[in-house]
Structure formats: structure tokens, C-alpha cells
Amino acid sequence: MTIGRVPAGSKDEVFYYGSATEADGKALVEAFTKEGFLADRGASAMLAKGGDNTSISFVVKDGAWEDPQEVAYFERLVRAVAPSVGGLPIKLRLVDSKVHSHDEVLVN
């Protein structure tokens, strides 16, 4: 599997893979920046596309997946950026620094 990377500033990044393209990655960087998610603070996200499925994963601090406010924030963020990557539904994944998934929500 080929994985691409779109840097945002000097510390943030969006990875893309599957059938997601560099253009998809760049569009997501632009949408995240507009929403204030990418502000050069070390944020990482991953965009995956395959068939009719799209997912966006966020690397979060340990335990964030157990905080309803954190989960709600990422759900709102996914809804806000969805048009930049083809629209809803999008699978939201919250992952740890080793990219192990801890929470998955289908955002409609």
C-alpha cells in the first residue's frame, strides 16, 4: 500500500492512502486549516478511501477516546470537512500514537 503525506506548516501533517489521492490530502489540509484544526501544533490525521468507504483517523492523546466532549469535537470536525473529501458518510477513528484504533464512529 502506498502512503502519501501532505505537510501543513512545519509540525502538522495529513497522510492519505488507499484510493485517496494527493489532491484529496491537500483538500483535507485546506479544510482542516480553515476549521482551525491544523495550526502547526503537531497534529496528525489520516485519510483513507476504498470503494464507497472513506475514513479519517486522528492521532489523539491517550484516553481522548473516552472523553465524550473530545469525541463530539472530532465528529463536528469530520462533518465540517466532509465536502472536501467527497461527503458523508465518513468513518471517524481516534487512534493512539502507535496508530492503534480505540474508537470508531460512523459520521452521517
PDB file of N, CA and C in Angstrom:
ATOM      1  N   MET A   1       0.844  -1.180   0.000  1.00  0.00           N
ATOM      2  CA  MET A   1       0.000   0.000   0.000  1.00  0.00           C
ATOM      3  C   MET A   1       0.890   1.244   0.000  1.00  0.00           C
ATOM      4  N   THR A   2       0.567   2.159  -0.872  1.00  0.00           N
ATOM      5  CA  THR A   2       1.299   3.417  -0.945  1.00  0.00           C
ATOM      6  C   THR A   2       0.653   4.425  -0.007  1.00  0.00           C
ATOM      7  N   ILE A   3       1.497   5.067   0.781  1.00  0.00           N
ATOM      8  CA  ILE A   3       1.019   6.099   1.699  1.00  0.00           C
ATOM      9  C   ILE A   3       1.671   7.411   1.295  1.00  0.00           C
ATOM     10  N   GLY A   4       0.841   8.435   1.120  1.00  0.00           N
ATOM     11  CA  GLY A   4       1.354   9.761   0.811  1.00  0.00           C
ATOM     12  C   GLY A   4       1.224  10.662   2.015  1.00  0.00           C
ATOM     13  N   ARG A   5       1.947  11.757   1.975  1.00  0.00           N
ATOM     14  CA  ARG A   5       1.941  12.696   3.098  1.00  0.00           C
ATOM     15  C   ARG A   5       1.858  14.112   2.564  1.00  0.00           C
ATOM     16  N   VAL A   6       0.984  14.899   3.172  1.00  0.00           N
ATOM     17  CA  VAL A   6       0.880  16.323   2.859  1.00  0.00           C
ATOM     18  C   VAL A   6       1.220  17.081   4.136  1.00  0.00           C
ATOM     19  N   PRO A   7       2.361  17.776   4.163  1.00  0.00           N
ATOM     20  CA  PRO A   7       2.691  18.564   5.351  1.00  0.00           C
ATOM     21  C   PRO A   7       1.834  19.824   5.423  1.00  0.00           C
ATOM     22  N   ALA A   8       1.625  20.274   6.639  1.00  0.00           N
ATOM     23  CA  ALA A   8       0.889  21.524   6.853  1.00  0.00           C
ATOM     24  C   ALA A   8       1.687  22.316   7.876  1.00  0.00           C
ATOM     25  N   GLY A   9       2.345  23.338   7.416  1.00  0.00           N
ATOM     26  CA  GLY A   9       3.247  24.062   8.303  1.00  0.00           C
ATOM     27  C   GLY A   9       4.460  23.192   8.568  1.00  0.00           C
ATOM     28  N   SER A  10       5.119  23.413   9.690  1.00  0.00           N
ATOM     29  CA  SER A  10       6.314  22.627   9.984  1.00  0.00           C
ATOM     30  C   SER A  10       6.035  21.449  10.919  1.00  0.00           C
ATOM     31  N   LYS A  11       4.834  21.408  11.546  1.00  0.00           N
ATOM     32  CA  LYS A  11       4.576  20.372  12.544  1.00  0.00           C
ATOM     33  C   LYS A  11       3.359  19.497  12.260  1.00  0.00           C
ATOM     34  N   ASP A  12       2.423  19.936  11.441  1.00  0.00           N
ATOM     35  CA  ASP A  12       1.191  19.183  11.186  1.00  0.00           C
ATOM     36  C   ASP A  12       1.307  18.406   9.884  1.00  0.00           C
ATOM     37  N   GLU A  13       0.463  17.352   9.766  1.00  0.00           N
ATOM     38  CA  GLU A  13       0.516  16.543   8.551  1.00  0.00           C
ATOM     39  C   GLU A  13      -0.764  15.751   8.379  1.00  0.00           C
ATOM     40  N   VAL A  14      -1.047  15.455   7.115  1.00  0.00           N
ATOM     41  CA  VAL A  14      -2.143  14.558   6.757  1.00  0.00           C
ATOM     42  C   VAL A  14      -1.559  13.479   5.865  1.00  0.00           C
ATOM     43  N   PHE A  15      -1.794  12.238   6.236  1.00  0.00           N
ATOM     44  CA  PHE A  15      -1.395  11.102   5.418  1.00  0.00           C
ATOM     45  C   PHE A  15      -2.612  10.647   4.627  1.00  0.00           C
ATOM     46  N   TYR A  16      -2.400  10.079   3.452  1.00  0.00           N
ATOM     47  CA  TYR A  16      -3.502   9.551   2.658  1.00  0.00           C
ATOM     48  C   TYR A  16      -3.077   8.217   2.057  1.00  0.00           C
ATOM     49  N   TYR A  17      -4.041   7.325   1.908  1.00  0.00           N
ATOM     50  CA  TYR A  17      -3.736   6.015   1.335  1.00  0.00           C
ATOM     51  C   TYR A  17      -5.003   5.382   0.775  1.00  0.00           C
ATOM     52  N   GLY A  18      -4.858   4.165   0.258  1.00  0.00           N
ATOM     53  CA  GLY A  18      -5.973   3.535  -0.443  1.00  0.00           C
ATOM     54  C   GLY A  18      -6.141   4.238  -1.765  1.00  0.00           C
ATOM     55  N   SER A  19      -7.371   4.534  -2.130  1.00  0.00           N
ATOM     56  CA  SER A  19      -7.603   5.249  -3.385  1.00  0.00           C
ATOM     57  C   SER A  19      -7.611   6.771  -3.193  1.00  0.00           C
ATOM     58  N   ALA A  20      -7.327   7.239  -1.987  1.00  0.00           N
ATOM     59  CA  ALA A  20      -7.211   8.689  -1.749  1.00  0.00           C
ATOM     60  C   ALA A  20      -5.990   9.212  -2.505  1.00  0.00           C
ATOM     61  N   THR A  21      -6.124  10.396  -3.056  1.00  0.00           N
ATOM     62  CA  THR A  21      -5.064  10.994  -3.858  1.00  0.00           C
ATOM     63  C   THR A  21      -4.373  12.129  -3.121  1.00  0.00           C
ATOM     64  N   GLU A  22      -3.283  12.591  -3.695  1.00  0.00           N
ATOM     65  CA  GLU A  22      -2.607  13.756  -3.131  1.00  0.00           C
ATOM     66  C   GLU A  22      -3.551  14.957  -3.132  1.00  0.00           C
ATOM     67  N   ALA A  23      -4.356  15.096  -4.178  1.00  0.00           N
ATOM     68  CA  ALA A  23      -5.323  16.199  -4.235  1.00  0.00           C
ATOM     69  C   ALA A  23      -6.320  16.102  -3.080  1.00  0.00           C
ATOM     70  N   ASP A  24      -6.752  14.871  -2.743  1.00  0.00           N
ATOM     71  CA  ASP A  24      -7.639  14.684  -1.589  1.00  0.00           C
ATOM     72  C   ASP A  24      -6.938  15.131  -0.307  1.00  0.00           C
ATOM     73  N   GLY A  25      -5.671  14.726  -0.158  1.00  0.00           N
ATOM     74  CA  GLY A  25      -4.901  15.106   1.024  1.00  0.00           C
ATOM     75  C   GLY A  25      -4.753  16.608   1.147  1.00  0.00           C
ATOM     76  N   LYS A  26      -4.456  17.262   0.024  1.00  0.00           N
ATOM     77  CA  LYS A  26      -4.310  18.723   0.038  1.00  0.00           C
ATOM     78  C   LYS A  26      -5.627  19.412   0.355  1.00  0.00           C
ATOM     79  N   ALA A  27      -6.735  18.887  -0.200  1.00  0.00           N
ATOM     80  CA  ALA A  27      -8.053  19.478   0.077  1.00  0.00           C
ATOM     81  C   ALA A  27      -8.398  19.332   1.555  1.00  0.00           C
ATOM     82  N   LEU A  28      -8.020  18.194   2.139  1.00  0.00           N
ATOM     83  CA  LEU A  28      -8.299  17.991   3.559  1.00  0.00           C
ATOM     84  C   LEU A  28      -7.442  18.908   4.424  1.00  0.00           C
ATOM     85  N   VAL A  29      -6.186  19.094   4.052  1.00  0.00           N
ATOM     86  CA  VAL A  29      -5.322  20.040   4.773  1.00  0.00           C
ATOM     87  C   VAL A  29      -5.944  21.430   4.757  1.00  0.00           C
ATOM     88  N   GLU A  30      -6.413  21.855   3.592  1.00  0.00           N
ATOM     89  CA  GLU A  30      -7.024  23.179   3.472  1.00  0.00           C
ATOM     90  C   GLU A  30      -8.276  23.288   4.353  1.00  0.00           C
ATOM     91  N   ALA A  31      -9.121  22.247   4.329  1.00  0.00           N
ATOM     92  CA  ALA A  31     -10.344  22.265   5.137  1.00  0.00           C
ATOM     93  C   ALA A  31     -10.021  22.245   6.630  1.00  0.00           C
ATOM     94  N   PHE A  32      -9.060  21.414   7.028  1.00  0.00           N
ATOM     95  CA  PHE A  32      -8.659  21.371   8.441  1.00  0.00           C
ATOM     96  C   PHE A  32      -8.101  22.718   8.895  1.00  0.00           C
ATOM     97  N   THR A  33      -7.315  23.341   8.049  1.00  0.00           N
ATOM     98  CA  THR A  33      -6.726  24.641   8.385  1.00  0.00           C
ATOM     99  C   THR A  33      -7.828  25.677   8.570  1.00  0.00           C
ATOM    100  N   LYS A  34      -8.796  25.682   7.670  1.00  0.00           N
ATOM    101  CA  LYS A  34      -9.922  26.620   7.759  1.00  0.00           C
ATOM    102  C   LYS A  34     -10.708  26.413   9.056  1.00  0.00           C
ATOM    103  N   GLU A  35     -10.804  25.164   9.508  1.00  0.00           N
ATOM    104  CA  GLU A  35     -11.537  24.851  10.745  1.00  0.00           C
ATOM    105  C   GLU A  35     -10.698  25.059  12.009  1.00  0.00           C
ATOM    106  N   GLY A  36      -9.413  25.385  11.848  1.00  0.00           N
ATOM    107  CA  GLY A  36      -8.550  25.638  12.994  1.00  0.00           C
ATOM    108  C   GLY A  36      -7.908  24.397  13.590  1.00  0.00           C
ATOM    109  N   PHE A  37      -8.102  23.238  12.945  1.00  0.00           N
ATOM    110  CA  PHE A  37      -7.511  22.009  13.473  1.00  0.00           C
ATOM    111  C   PHE A  37      -6.003  21.976  13.233  1.00  0.00           C
ATOM    112  N   LEU A  38      -5.583  22.397  12.065  1.00  0.00           N
ATOM    113  CA  LEU A  38      -4.150  22.440  11.768  1.00  0.00           C
ATOM    114  C   LEU A  38      -3.650  23.847  12.037  1.00  0.00           C
ATOM    115  N   ALA A  39      -2.872  23.972  13.095  1.00  0.00           N
ATOM    116  CA  ALA A  39      -2.344  25.279  13.495  1.00  0.00           C
ATOM    117  C   ALA A  39      -0.881  25.150  13.902  1.00  0.00           C
ATOM    118  N   ASP A  40      -0.173  24.212  13.260  1.00  0.00           N
ATOM    119  CA  ASP A  40       1.261  23.996  13.483  1.00  0.00           C
ATOM    120  C   ASP A  40       1.576  23.638  14.934  1.00  0.00           C
ATOM    121  N   ARG A  41       0.742  22.725  15.479  1.00  0.00           N
ATOM    122  CA  ARG A  41       0.946  22.267  16.862  1.00  0.00           C
ATOM    123  C   ARG A  41       1.271  20.777  16.930  1.00  0.00           C
ATOM    124  N   GLY A  42       1.554  20.146  15.799  1.00  0.00           N
ATOM    125  CA  GLY A  42       1.910  18.732  15.811  1.00  0.00           C
ATOM    126  C   GLY A  42       0.744  17.789  15.593  1.00  0.00           C
ATOM    127  N   ALA A  43      -0.308  18.253  14.939  1.00  0.00           N
ATOM    128  CA  ALA A  43      -1.477  17.412  14.684  1.00  0.00           C
ATOM    129  C   ALA A  43      -1.221  16.474  13.508  1.00  0.00           C
ATOM    130  N   SER A  44      -1.748  15.255  13.623  1.00  0.00           N
ATOM    131  CA  SER A  44      -1.654  14.273  12.541  1.00  0.00           C
ATOM    132  C   SER A  44      -3.015  13.653  12.292  1.00  0.00           C
ATOM    133  N   ALA A  45      -3.338  13.500  11.018  1.00  0.00           N
ATOM    134  CA  ALA A  45      -4.583  12.838  10.623  1.00  0.00           C
ATOM    135  C   ALA A  45      -4.289  11.963   9.421  1.00  0.00           C
ATOM    136  N   MET A  46      -5.162  10.984   9.200  1.00  0.00           N
ATOM    137  CA  MET A  46      -5.010  10.078   8.071  1.00  0.00           C
ATOM    138  C   MET A  46      -6.330   9.956   7.334  1.00  0.00           C
ATOM    139  N   LEU A  47      -6.254  10.025   6.024  1.00  0.00           N
ATOM    140  CA  LEU A  47      -7.414   9.881   5.155  1.00  0.00           C
ATOM    141  C   LEU A  47      -7.265   8.593   4.367  1.00  0.00           C
ATOM    142  N   ALA A  48      -8.284   7.751   4.406  1.00  0.00           N
ATOM    143  CA  ALA A  48      -8.275   6.512   3.627  1.00  0.00           C
ATOM    144  C   ALA A  48      -9.549   6.438   2.806  1.00  0.00           C
ATOM    145  N   LYS A  49      -9.406   6.005   1.565  1.00  0.00           N
ATOM    146  CA  LYS A  49     -10.563   5.780   0.702  1.00  0.00           C
ATOM    147  C   LYS A  49     -10.416   4.400   0.081  1.00  0.00           C
ATOM    148  N   GLY A  50     -11.552   3.758  -0.105  1.00  0.00           N
ATOM    149  CA  GLY A  50     -11.568   2.460  -0.751  1.00  0.00           C
ATOM    150  C   GLY A  50     -12.998   2.076  -1.076  1.00  0.00           C
ATOM    151  N   GLY A  51     -13.282   1.842  -2.345  1.00  0.00           N
ATOM    152  CA  GLY A  51     -14.666   1.556  -2.726  1.00  0.00           C
ATOM    153  C   GLY A  51     -15.550   2.732  -2.372  1.00  0.00           C
ATOM    154  N   ASP A  52     -16.609   2.448  -1.632  1.00  0.00           N
ATOM    155  CA  ASP A  52     -17.526   3.511  -1.193  1.00  0.00           C
ATOM    156  C   ASP A  52     -17.219   3.993   0.209  1.00  0.00           C
ATOM    157  N   ASN A  53     -16.098   3.555   0.766  1.00  0.00           N
ATOM    158  CA  ASN A  53     -15.769   3.879   2.156  1.00  0.00           C
ATOM    159  C   ASN A  53     -14.690   4.951   2.253  1.00  0.00           C
ATOM    160  N   THR A  54     -14.927   5.898   3.135  1.00  0.00           N
ATOM    161  CA  THR A  54     -13.943   6.935   3.453  1.00  0.00           C
ATOM    162  C   THR A  54     -13.786   6.955   4.963  1.00  0.00           C
ATOM    163  N   SER A  55     -12.548   7.055   5.419  1.00  0.00           N
ATOM    164  CA  SER A  55     -12.321   7.197   6.856  1.00  0.00           C
ATOM    165  C   SER A  55     -11.285   8.281   7.104  1.00  0.00           C
ATOM    166  N   ILE A  56     -11.450   8.948   8.229  1.00  0.00           N
ATOM    167  CA  ILE A  56     -10.477   9.923   8.704  1.00  0.00           C
ATOM    168  C   ILE A  56     -10.105   9.512  10.118  1.00  0.00           C
ATOM    169  N   SER A  57      -8.807   9.316  10.329  1.00  0.00           N
ATOM    170  CA  SER A  57      -8.291   8.946  11.642  1.00  0.00           C
ATOM    171  C   SER A  57      -7.495  10.109  12.209  1.00  0.00           C
ATOM    172  N   PHE A  58      -7.622  10.307  13.504  1.00  0.00           N
ATOM    173  CA  PHE A  58      -6.892  11.360  14.192  1.00  0.00           C
ATOM    174  C   PHE A  58      -6.016  10.739  15.267  1.00  0.00           C
ATOM    175  N   VAL A  59      -4.762  11.139  15.312  1.00  0.00           N
ATOM    176  CA  VAL A  59      -3.881  10.716  16.390  1.00  0.00           C
ATOM    177  C   VAL A  59      -4.172  11.648  17.571  1.00  0.00           C
ATOM    178  N   VAL A  60      -4.610  11.041  18.677  1.00  0.00           N
ATOM    179  CA  VAL A  60      -5.026  11.821  19.847  1.00  0.00           C
ATOM    180  C   VAL A  60      -4.253  11.366  21.081  1.00  0.00           C
ATOM    181  N   LYS A  61      -4.285  12.190  22.108  1.00  0.00           N
ATOM    182  CA  LYS A  61      -3.610  11.824  23.358  1.00  0.00           C
ATOM    183  C   LYS A  61      -4.343  10.647  23.992  1.00  0.00           C
ATOM    184  N   ASP A  62      -3.618   9.854  24.757  1.00  0.00           N
ATOM    185  CA  ASP A  62      -4.192   8.677  25.402  1.00  0.00           C
ATOM    186  C   ASP A  62      -5.421   9.054  26.219  1.00  0.00           C
ATOM    187  N   GLY A  63      -6.479   8.293  26.032  1.00  0.00           N
ATOM    188  CA  GLY A  63      -7.705   8.492  26.782  1.00  0.00           C
ATOM    189  C   GLY A  63      -8.697   9.442  26.140  1.00  0.00           C
ATOM    190  N   ALA A  64      -8.293  10.169  25.114  1.00  0.00           N
ATOM    191  CA  ALA A  64      -9.212  11.126  24.478  1.00  0.00           C
ATOM    192  C   ALA A  64     -10.465  10.420  23.960  1.00  0.00           C
ATOM    193  N   TRP A  65     -10.324   9.175  23.537  1.00  0.00           N
ATOM    194  CA  TRP A  65     -11.444   8.402  23.007  1.00  0.00           C
ATOM    195  C   TRP A  65     -12.481   8.093  24.078  1.00  0.00           C
ATOM    196  N   GLU A  66     -12.144   8.289  25.344  1.00  0.00           N
ATOM    197  CA  GLU A  66     -13.080   8.053  26.438  1.00  0.00           C
ATOM    198  C   GLU A  66     -13.774   9.330  26.896  1.00  0.00           C
ATOM    199  N   ASP A  67     -13.414  10.457  26.321  1.00  0.00           N
ATOM    200  CA  ASP A  67     -13.979  11.756  26.696  1.00  0.00           C
ATOM    201  C   ASP A  67     -15.064  12.133  25.683  1.00  0.00           C
ATOM    202  N   PRO A  68     -16.339  12.120  26.105  1.00  0.00           N
ATOM    203  CA  PRO A  68     -17.432  12.428  25.173  1.00  0.00           C
ATOM    204  C   PRO A  68     -17.280  13.780  24.481  1.00  0.00           C
ATOM    205  N   GLN A  69     -16.712  14.772  25.161  1.00  0.00           N
ATOM    206  CA  GLN A  69     -16.521  16.089  24.537  1.00  0.00           C
ATOM    207  C   GLN A  69     -15.482  16.019  23.418  1.00  0.00           C
ATOM    208  N   GLU A  70     -14.421  15.263  23.629  1.00  0.00           N
ATOM    209  CA  GLU A  70     -13.391  15.089  22.588  1.00  0.00           C
ATOM    210  C   GLU A  70     -13.992  14.386  21.375  1.00  0.00           C
ATOM    211  N   VAL A  71     -14.718  13.301  21.623  1.00  0.00           N
ATOM    212  CA  VAL A  71     -15.326  12.551  20.523  1.00  0.00           C
ATOM    213  C   VAL A  71     -16.290  13.451  19.753  1.00  0.00           C
ATOM    214  N   ALA A  72     -17.108  14.221  20.467  1.00  0.00           N
ATOM    215  CA  ALA A  72     -18.060  15.131  19.822  1.00  0.00           C
ATOM    216  C   ALA A  72     -17.328  16.184  18.987  1.00  0.00           C
ATOM    217  N   TYR A  73     -16.206  16.700  19.493  1.00  0.00           N
ATOM    218  CA  TYR A  73     -15.416  17.673  18.736  1.00  0.00           C
ATOM    219  C   TYR A  73     -14.977  17.079  17.394  1.00  0.00           C
ATOM    220  N   PHE A  74     -14.443  15.857  17.424  1.00  0.00           N
ATOM    221  CA  PHE A  74     -13.965  15.249  16.187  1.00  0.00           C
ATOM    222  C   PHE A  74     -15.116  14.901  15.248  1.00  0.00           C
ATOM    223  N   GLU A  75     -16.273  14.540  15.791  1.00  0.00           N
ATOM    224  CA  GLU A  75     -17.448  14.312  14.937  1.00  0.00           C
ATOM    225  C   GLU A  75     -17.840  15.596  14.219  1.00  0.00           C
ATOM    226  N   ARG A  76     -17.863  16.715  14.951  1.00  0.00           N
ATOM    227  CA  ARG A  76     -18.194  18.014  14.318  1.00  0.00           C
ATOM    228  C   ARG A  76     -17.150  18.373  13.267  1.00  0.00           C
ATOM    229  N   LEU A  77     -15.886  18.131  13.567  1.00  0.00           N
ATOM    230  CA  LEU A  77     -14.816  18.440  12.622  1.00  0.00           C
ATOM    231  C   LEU A  77     -14.973  17.619  11.348  1.00  0.00           C
ATOM    232  N   VAL A  78     -15.261  16.336  11.481  1.00  0.00           N
ATOM    233  CA  VAL A  78     -15.449  15.482  10.294  1.00  0.00           C
ATOM    234  C   VAL A  78     -16.625  15.985   9.460  1.00  0.00           C
ATOM    235  N   ARG A  79     -17.720  16.347  10.109  1.00  0.00           N
ATOM    236  CA  ARG A  79     -18.870  16.882   9.353  1.00  0.00           C
ATOM    237  C   ARG A  79     -18.482  18.155   8.593  1.00  0.00           C
ATOM    238  N   ALA A  80     -17.687  19.001   9.228  1.00  0.00           N
ATOM    239  CA  ALA A  80     -17.300  20.276   8.615  1.00  0.00           C
ATOM    240  C   ALA A  80     -16.396  20.079   7.400  1.00  0.00           C
ATOM    241  N   VAL A  81     -15.509  19.079   7.445  1.00  0.00           N
ATOM    242  CA  VAL A  81     -14.547  18.895   6.348  1.00  0.00           C
ATOM    243  C   VAL A  81     -15.013  17.868   5.316  1.00  0.00           C
ATOM    244  N   ALA A  82     -16.106  17.177   5.590  1.00  0.00           N
ATOM    245  CA  ALA A  82     -16.585  16.111   4.700  1.00  0.00           C
ATOM    246  C   ALA A  82     -16.691  16.526   3.226  1.00  0.00           C
ATOM    247  N   PRO A  83     -17.217  17.724   2.912  1.00  0.00           N
ATOM    248  CA  PRO A  83     -17.318  18.085   1.491  1.00  0.00           C
ATOM    249  C   PRO A  83     -15.973  18.089   0.759  1.00  0.00           C
ATOM    250  N   SER A  84     -14.882  18.304   1.474  1.00  0.00           N
ATOM    251  CA  SER A  84     -13.569  18.379   0.825  1.00  0.00           C
ATOM    252  C   SER A  84     -13.063  17.008   0.372  1.00  0.00           C
ATOM    253  N   VAL A  85     -13.659  15.932   0.902  1.00  0.00           N
ATOM    254  CA  VAL A  85     -13.196  14.586   0.555  1.00  0.00           C
ATOM    255  C   VAL A  85     -14.318  13.717  -0.012  1.00  0.00           C
ATOM    256  N   GLY A  86     -15.373  14.346  -0.510  1.00  0.00           N
ATOM    257  CA  GLY A  86     -16.433  13.584  -1.170  1.00  0.00           C
ATOM    258  C   GLY A  86     -17.722  13.439  -0.399  1.00  0.00           C
ATOM    259  N   GLY A  87     -17.784  13.993   0.800  1.00  0.00           N
ATOM    260  CA  GLY A  87     -19.029  13.978   1.564  1.00  0.00           C
ATOM    261  C   GLY A  87     -19.165  12.818   2.526  1.00  0.00           C
ATOM    262  N   LEU A  88     -20.288  12.827   3.235  1.00  0.00           N
ATOM    263  CA  LEU A  88     -20.600  11.794   4.226  1.00  0.00           C
ATOM    264  C   LEU A  88     -21.211  10.587   3.530  1.00  0.00           C
ATOM    265  N   PRO A  89     -21.225   9.429   4.157  1.00  0.00           N
ATOM    266  CA  PRO A  89     -20.718   9.105   5.484  1.00  0.00           C
ATOM    267  C   PRO A  89     -19.196   8.946   5.496  1.00  0.00           C
ATOM    268  N   ILE A  90     -18.618   9.214   6.656  1.00  0.00           N
ATOM    269  CA  ILE A  90     -17.179   9.038   6.876  1.00  0.00           C
ATOM    270  C   ILE A  90     -17.002   8.318   8.205  1.00  0.00           C
ATOM    271  N   LYS A  91     -16.139   7.330   8.194  1.00  0.00           N
ATOM    272  CA  LYS A  91     -15.793   6.632   9.424  1.00  0.00           C
ATOM    273  C   LYS A  91     -14.746   7.460  10.155  1.00  0.00           C
ATOM    274  N   LEU A  92     -15.041   7.829  11.382  1.00  0.00           N
ATOM    275  CA  LEU A  92     -14.122   8.580  12.243  1.00  0.00           C
ATOM    276  C   LEU A  92     -13.422   7.583  13.138  1.00  0.00           C
ATOM    277  N   ARG A  93     -12.091   7.659  13.158  1.00  0.00           N
ATOM    278  CA  ARG A  93     -11.310   6.792  14.050  1.00  0.00           C
ATOM    279  C   ARG A  93     -10.413   7.668  14.919  1.00  0.00           C
ATOM    280  N   LEU A  94     -10.381   7.364  16.197  1.00  0.00           N
ATOM    281  CA  LEU A  94      -9.443   8.004  17.110  1.00  0.00           C
ATOM    282  C   LEU A  94      -8.384   6.965  17.441  1.00  0.00           C
ATOM    283  N   VAL A  95      -7.123   7.307  17.194  1.00  0.00           N
ATOM    284  CA  VAL A  95      -6.029   6.362  17.355  1.00  0.00           C
ATOM    285  C   VAL A  95      -4.968   6.930  18.282  1.00  0.00           C
ATOM    286  N   ASP A  96      -4.186   6.014  18.874  1.00  0.00           N
ATOM    287  CA  ASP A  96      -3.097   6.452  19.738  1.00  0.00           C
ATOM    288  C   ASP A  96      -1.838   6.719  18.907  1.00  0.00           C
ATOM    289  N   SER A  97      -0.770   7.076  19.566  1.00  0.00           N
ATOM    290  CA  SER A  97       0.463   7.449  18.861  1.00  0.00           C
ATOM    291  C   SER A  97       1.073   6.290  18.075  1.00  0.00           C
ATOM    292  N   LYS A  98       0.661   5.063  18.384  1.00  0.00           N
ATOM    293  CA  LYS A  98       1.133   3.896  17.629  1.00  0.00           C
ATOM    294  C   LYS A  98       0.133   3.500  16.550  1.00  0.00           C
ATOM    295  N   VAL A  99      -0.864   4.349  16.345  1.00  0.00           N
ATOM    296  CA  VAL A  99      -1.917   4.193  15.333  1.00  0.00           C
ATOM    297  C   VAL A  99      -2.792   2.966  15.605  1.00  0.00           C
ATOM    298  N   HIS A 100      -2.972   2.643  16.877  1.00  0.00           N
ATOM    299  CA  HIS A 100      -3.939   1.625  17.270  1.00  0.00           C
ATOM    300  C   HIS A 100      -5.286   2.308  17.462  1.00  0.00           C
ATOM    301  N   SER A 101      -6.302   1.793  16.801  1.00  0.00           N
ATOM    302  CA  SER A 101      -7.628   2.392  16.868  1.00  0.00           C
ATOM    303  C   SER A 101      -8.287   2.101  18.212  1.00  0.00           C
ATOM    304  N   HIS A 102      -8.871   3.151  18.825  1.00  0.00           N
ATOM    305  CA  HIS A 102      -9.544   2.989  20.115  1.00  0.00           C
ATOM    306  C   HIS A 102     -11.020   3.336  20.043  1.00  0.00           C
ATOM    307  N   ASP A 103     -11.432   4.082  19.052  1.00  0.00           N
ATOM    308  CA  ASP A 103     -12.838   4.430  18.907  1.00  0.00           C
ATOM    309  C   ASP A 103     -13.113   4.616  17.428  1.00  0.00           C
ATOM    310  N   GLU A 104     -14.297   4.141  17.016  1.00  0.00           N
ATOM    311  CA  GLU A 104     -14.694   4.282  15.614  1.00  0.00           C
ATOM    312  C   GLU A 104     -16.164   4.651  15.600  1.00  0.00           C
ATOM    313  N   VAL A 105     -16.495   5.716  14.881  1.00  0.00           N
ATOM    314  CA  VAL A 105     -17.862   6.220  14.806  1.00  0.00           C
ATOM    315  C   VAL A 105     -18.175   6.493  13.347  1.00  0.00           C
ATOM    316  N   LEU A 106     -19.339   6.044  12.888  1.00  0.00           N
ATOM    317  CA  LEU A 106     -19.770   6.377  11.540  1.00  0.00           C
ATOM    318  C   LEU A 106     -20.483   7.719  11.602  1.00  0.00           C
ATOM    319  N   VAL A 107     -19.935   8.713  10.926  1.00  0.00           N
ATOM    320  CA  VAL A 107     -20.499  10.057  10.918  1.00  0.00           C
ATOM    321  C   VAL A 107     -21.350  10.197   9.656  1.00  0.00           C
ATOM    322  N   ASN A 108     -22.644  10.431   9.851  1.00  0.00           N
ATOM    323  CA  ASN A 108     -23.579  10.590   8.731  1.00  0.00           C
ATOM    324  C   ASN A 108     -23.962  12.038   8.544  1.00  0.00           C
TER     325      ASN A 108
END
